[in-house]
Protein backbone atom coordinates (compact mmCIF):
# COMPACT_ATOMS: atom_id res chain seq x y z
CA UNK A 1 116.32 108.13 105.41
CA UNK A 2 118.28 105.01 105.65
CA UNK A 3 117.54 102.71 109.08
CA UNK A 4 121.25 101.92 109.87
CA UNK A 5 119.96 99.36 112.43
CA UNK A 6 117.99 97.52 109.87
CA UNK A 7 120.91 97.44 107.55
CA UNK A 8 123.16 96.42 110.13
CA UNK A 9 120.74 93.44 110.83
CA UNK A 10 120.59 92.20 106.93
CA UNK A 11 124.31 92.73 106.83
CA UNK A 12 126.01 91.47 110.14
CA UNK A 13 123.37 88.70 111.94
CA UNK A 14 125.57 86.36 112.39
CA UNK A 15 122.76 83.68 111.62
CA UNK A 16 121.44 85.08 108.94
CA UNK A 17 123.27 88.24 107.84
CA UNK A 18 125.16 88.78 104.46
CA UNK A 19 128.45 88.85 105.17
CA UNK A 20 128.68 86.05 108.07
CA UNK A 21 127.01 84.09 105.17
CA UNK A 22 129.74 84.62 102.94
CA UNK A 23 132.29 84.46 105.18
CA UNK A 24 131.26 81.08 105.86
CA UNK A 25 131.58 80.18 102.10
CA UNK A 26 134.94 81.26 101.51
CA UNK A 27 135.93 78.83 103.50
CA UNK A 28 134.51 75.72 101.64
CA UNK A 29 135.84 73.45 99.01
CA UNK A 30 134.46 75.79 96.16
CA UNK A 31 136.40 78.60 96.52
CA UNK A 32 139.63 76.58 98.34
CA UNK A 33 141.65 77.59 95.57
CA UNK A 34 140.98 81.05 96.20
CA UNK A 35 142.61 83.95 98.93
CA UNK A 36 139.90 86.59 99.24
CA UNK A 37 139.34 89.54 101.62
CA UNK A 38 135.95 91.56 101.44
CA UNK A 39 134.76 94.94 102.57
CA UNK A 40 131.59 96.79 101.92
CA UNK A 41 129.96 100.19 101.69
CA UNK A 42 126.33 101.03 101.00
CA UNK A 43 125.57 103.61 98.82
CA UNK A 44 122.68 105.74 100.83
CA UNK A 45 121.89 107.98 98.12
CA UNK A 46 120.36 105.07 95.88
CA UNK A 47 117.45 104.25 98.36
CA UNK A 48 114.22 104.52 97.43
CA UNK A 49 110.97 104.72 99.62
CA UNK A 50 108.27 102.73 97.91
CA UNK A 51 104.28 102.73 99.10
CA UNK A 52 101.87 100.85 97.52
CA UNK A 53 98.13 101.21 98.30
CA UNK A 54 97.46 97.94 98.47
CA UNK A 55 100.51 96.80 100.89
CA UNK A 56 100.29 97.44 104.57
CA UNK A 57 103.96 97.71 104.39
CA UNK A 58 106.73 100.16 103.43
CA UNK A 59 109.24 98.79 101.09
CA UNK A 60 112.85 100.26 100.93
CA UNK A 61 114.98 99.89 98.00
CA UNK A 62 118.72 99.62 98.72
CA UNK A 63 122.17 99.71 96.71
CA UNK A 64 124.51 97.61 98.24
CA UNK A 65 128.10 97.62 96.65
CA UNK A 66 130.38 94.65 97.84
CA UNK A 67 134.42 95.08 96.96
CA UNK A 68 136.47 92.26 97.29
CA UNK A 69 140.11 91.79 96.65
CA UNK A 70 141.43 88.10 95.51
CA UNK A 71 144.91 87.14 95.59
CA UNK A 72 146.21 85.30 92.74
CA UNK A 73 149.66 82.83 92.76
CA UNK A 74 152.49 84.92 91.48
CA UNK A 75 153.38 81.66 89.26
CA UNK A 76 150.04 81.70 87.39
CA UNK A 77 149.73 82.95 83.80
CA UNK A 78 147.86 86.39 83.44
CA UNK A 79 145.45 84.75 81.05
CA UNK A 80 144.73 81.74 83.44
CA UNK A 81 144.29 84.04 86.69
CA UNK A 82 142.02 86.21 84.54
CA UNK A 83 139.80 82.74 84.20
CA UNK A 84 140.13 82.31 87.86
CA UNK A 85 138.99 85.20 88.60
CA UNK A 86 136.15 85.11 86.47
CA UNK A 87 135.15 81.33 88.03
CA UNK A 88 135.38 83.23 91.64
CA UNK A 89 132.97 86.14 90.49
CA UNK A 90 130.35 83.98 89.01
CA UNK A 91 130.41 81.59 92.01
CA UNK A 92 130.15 84.68 94.34
CA UNK A 93 127.35 85.92 92.69
CA UNK A 94 125.40 82.65 92.80
CA UNK A 95 126.25 82.35 96.57
CA UNK A 96 124.42 86.07 96.69
CA UNK A 97 121.50 85.02 94.95
CA UNK A 98 120.73 81.65 97.07
CA UNK A 99 121.27 83.94 100.25
CA UNK A 100 118.55 85.89 99.33
CA UNK A 101 116.46 83.75 97.77
CA UNK A 102 116.63 82.00 101.65
CA UNK A 103 116.11 85.35 103.59
CA UNK A 104 113.04 86.07 104.23
CA UNK A 105 113.17 89.15 105.58
CA UNK A 106 113.94 90.21 101.92
CA UNK A 107 110.44 90.92 100.16
CA UNK A 108 112.03 89.76 97.00
CA UNK A 109 115.32 87.94 96.46
CA UNK A 110 118.29 89.49 94.24
CA UNK A 111 117.20 89.60 90.29
CA UNK A 112 120.10 90.99 89.18
CA UNK A 113 124.08 91.74 90.12
CA UNK A 114 125.86 94.06 88.29
CA UNK A 115 129.44 95.32 88.75
CA UNK A 116 133.14 95.08 87.28
CA UNK A 117 136.65 93.05 87.11
CA UNK A 118 139.90 94.70 87.26
CA UNK A 119 142.64 94.06 85.20
CA UNK A 120 145.22 92.26 87.44
CA UNK A 121 147.33 94.16 89.55
CA UNK A 122 149.34 94.82 92.69
CA UNK A 123 146.60 94.91 95.31
CA UNK A 124 147.70 95.45 99.08
CA UNK A 125 147.57 91.96 101.26
CA UNK A 126 149.00 91.36 104.91
CA UNK A 127 151.20 94.83 104.84
CA UNK A 128 152.46 94.41 101.46
CA UNK A 129 151.38 94.01 97.89
CA UNK A 130 150.90 91.04 95.72
CA UNK A 131 149.20 89.83 92.21
CA UNK A 132 145.56 89.92 92.43
CA UNK A 133 142.00 91.71 91.43
CA UNK A 134 139.42 94.24 92.24
CA UNK A 135 135.97 92.91 92.17
CA UNK A 136 132.95 94.90 92.48
CA UNK A 137 129.42 93.67 92.94
CA UNK A 138 126.11 96.07 93.37
CA UNK A 139 122.87 94.74 93.77
CA UNK A 140 119.36 95.94 95.14
CA UNK A 141 117.98 94.49 98.16
CA UNK A 142 114.16 95.47 98.84
CA UNK A 143 113.33 94.56 102.52
CA UNK A 144 110.44 96.25 104.80
CA UNK A 145 111.16 97.13 108.45
CA UNK A 146 108.21 95.10 109.57
CA UNK A 147 110.21 91.62 108.04
CA UNK A 148 113.36 92.81 110.53
CA UNK A 149 112.20 92.41 113.68
CA UNK A 150 112.71 95.73 114.50
CA UNK A 151 109.95 98.44 115.59
CA UNK A 152 109.26 100.12 112.51
CA UNK A 153 107.68 103.13 114.29
CA UNK A 154 110.57 102.96 117.09
CA UNK A 155 113.00 103.58 114.16
CA UNK A 156 111.07 106.65 112.87
CA UNK A 157 110.49 108.20 116.62
CA UNK A 158 113.68 108.44 117.08
CA UNK A 159 115.01 110.41 113.66
CA UNK A 160 114.63 113.35 112.69
CA UNK A 161 112.96 113.73 108.69
CA UNK A 162 113.99 116.85 106.32
CA UNK A 163 111.11 118.91 104.78
CA UNK A 164 110.74 117.31 101.45
CA UNK A 165 111.58 113.56 102.43
CA UNK A 166 109.33 110.84 101.98
CA UNK A 167 107.31 109.66 104.88
CA UNK A 168 108.13 106.61 106.56
CA UNK A 169 105.08 105.92 108.15
CA UNK A 170 101.55 107.27 108.16
CA UNK A 171 100.54 109.63 111.23
CA UNK A 172 101.39 112.66 112.77
CA UNK A 173 104.60 114.53 112.92
CA UNK A 174 105.92 117.25 115.13
CA UNK A 175 107.92 120.25 113.69
CA UNK A 176 110.99 120.12 115.60
CA UNK A 177 113.48 123.70 115.72
CA UNK A 178 117.33 123.44 115.09
CA UNK A 179 118.34 122.89 118.72
CA UNK A 180 116.03 119.48 118.49
CA UNK A 181 113.30 120.92 120.69
CA UNK A 182 109.72 120.32 119.74
CA UNK A 183 107.75 123.19 118.38
CA UNK A 184 104.16 121.94 119.34
CA UNK A 185 103.30 122.13 115.61
CA UNK A 186 102.06 118.96 114.24
CA UNK A 187 101.11 118.20 110.73
CA UNK A 188 99.34 114.55 109.53
CA UNK A 189 101.72 112.57 106.66
CA UNK A 190 101.09 109.34 104.42
CA UNK A 191 103.70 106.65 103.86
CA UNK A 192 105.66 107.76 100.95
CA UNK A 193 104.43 110.97 100.47
CA UNK A 194 106.83 113.91 100.76
CA UNK A 195 107.05 115.47 104.38
CA UNK A 196 105.49 119.15 103.78
CA UNK A 197 107.74 122.22 103.97
CA UNK A 198 108.36 124.14 106.99
CA UNK A 199 108.28 127.81 108.31
CA UNK A 200 111.60 127.96 108.94
CA UNK A 201 114.90 126.36 106.92
CA UNK A 202 116.49 124.99 109.45
CA UNK A 203 113.35 122.91 110.74
CA UNK A 204 112.70 119.22 110.60
CA UNK A 205 109.85 116.53 111.48
CA UNK A 206 109.56 114.02 114.27
CA UNK A 207 107.45 111.17 114.18
CA UNK A 208 105.31 111.77 117.37
CA UNK A 209 102.01 109.84 116.72
CA UNK A 210 102.21 106.68 113.99
CA UNK A 211 98.76 105.16 112.23
CA UNK A 212 98.42 101.93 110.88
CA UNK A 213 98.11 101.75 107.07
CA UNK A 214 95.20 100.36 106.07
CA UNK A 215 93.93 99.43 102.68
CA UNK A 216 91.84 102.11 100.79
CA UNK A 217 89.77 99.70 98.81
CA UNK A 218 88.39 98.02 102.23
């Protein structure tokens, strides 16, 4: 289960978030000959929770997809416009990687960016359509709840977890009925391991007593 407040912090924090950072960079001289609008969505199905025996933190690996549209001058030849779009894409990738290198919330900087550049086409712009390109950039961010300034246990305690879902935090989990009320039945589960099956199909789990991660070799 994705921790949405953490995702929003990484994306939208006015001082260190990815989107404000890119907004600022798009206004610099390097991008002065482009007009760009951008948005984003998060592909939740590519989230992976990783727990290492020698690490006290749970790592979350999240795939981000940035979708951008760039507008080109209608007088620019198609081949020249394509070269400009490729230049824009390279500059954008460099800024995304630089942001990840300077962001202490991430456990690792971005190592690879994939995506696609469309053909020159008519794209929506200010209520009309103008020549431009659509750019898609995909990359993984690896972070830990402990590096974001948010309480990981508070996040888990406010969330319901399905049987079979990987345990976000080691501790005691209460079985919750479909009406949101606790059953009084509890199980112990270790971070990274799947939560056990419940006696009824519409039941879930809620963390009630988190425990600290310890290195078993100590």
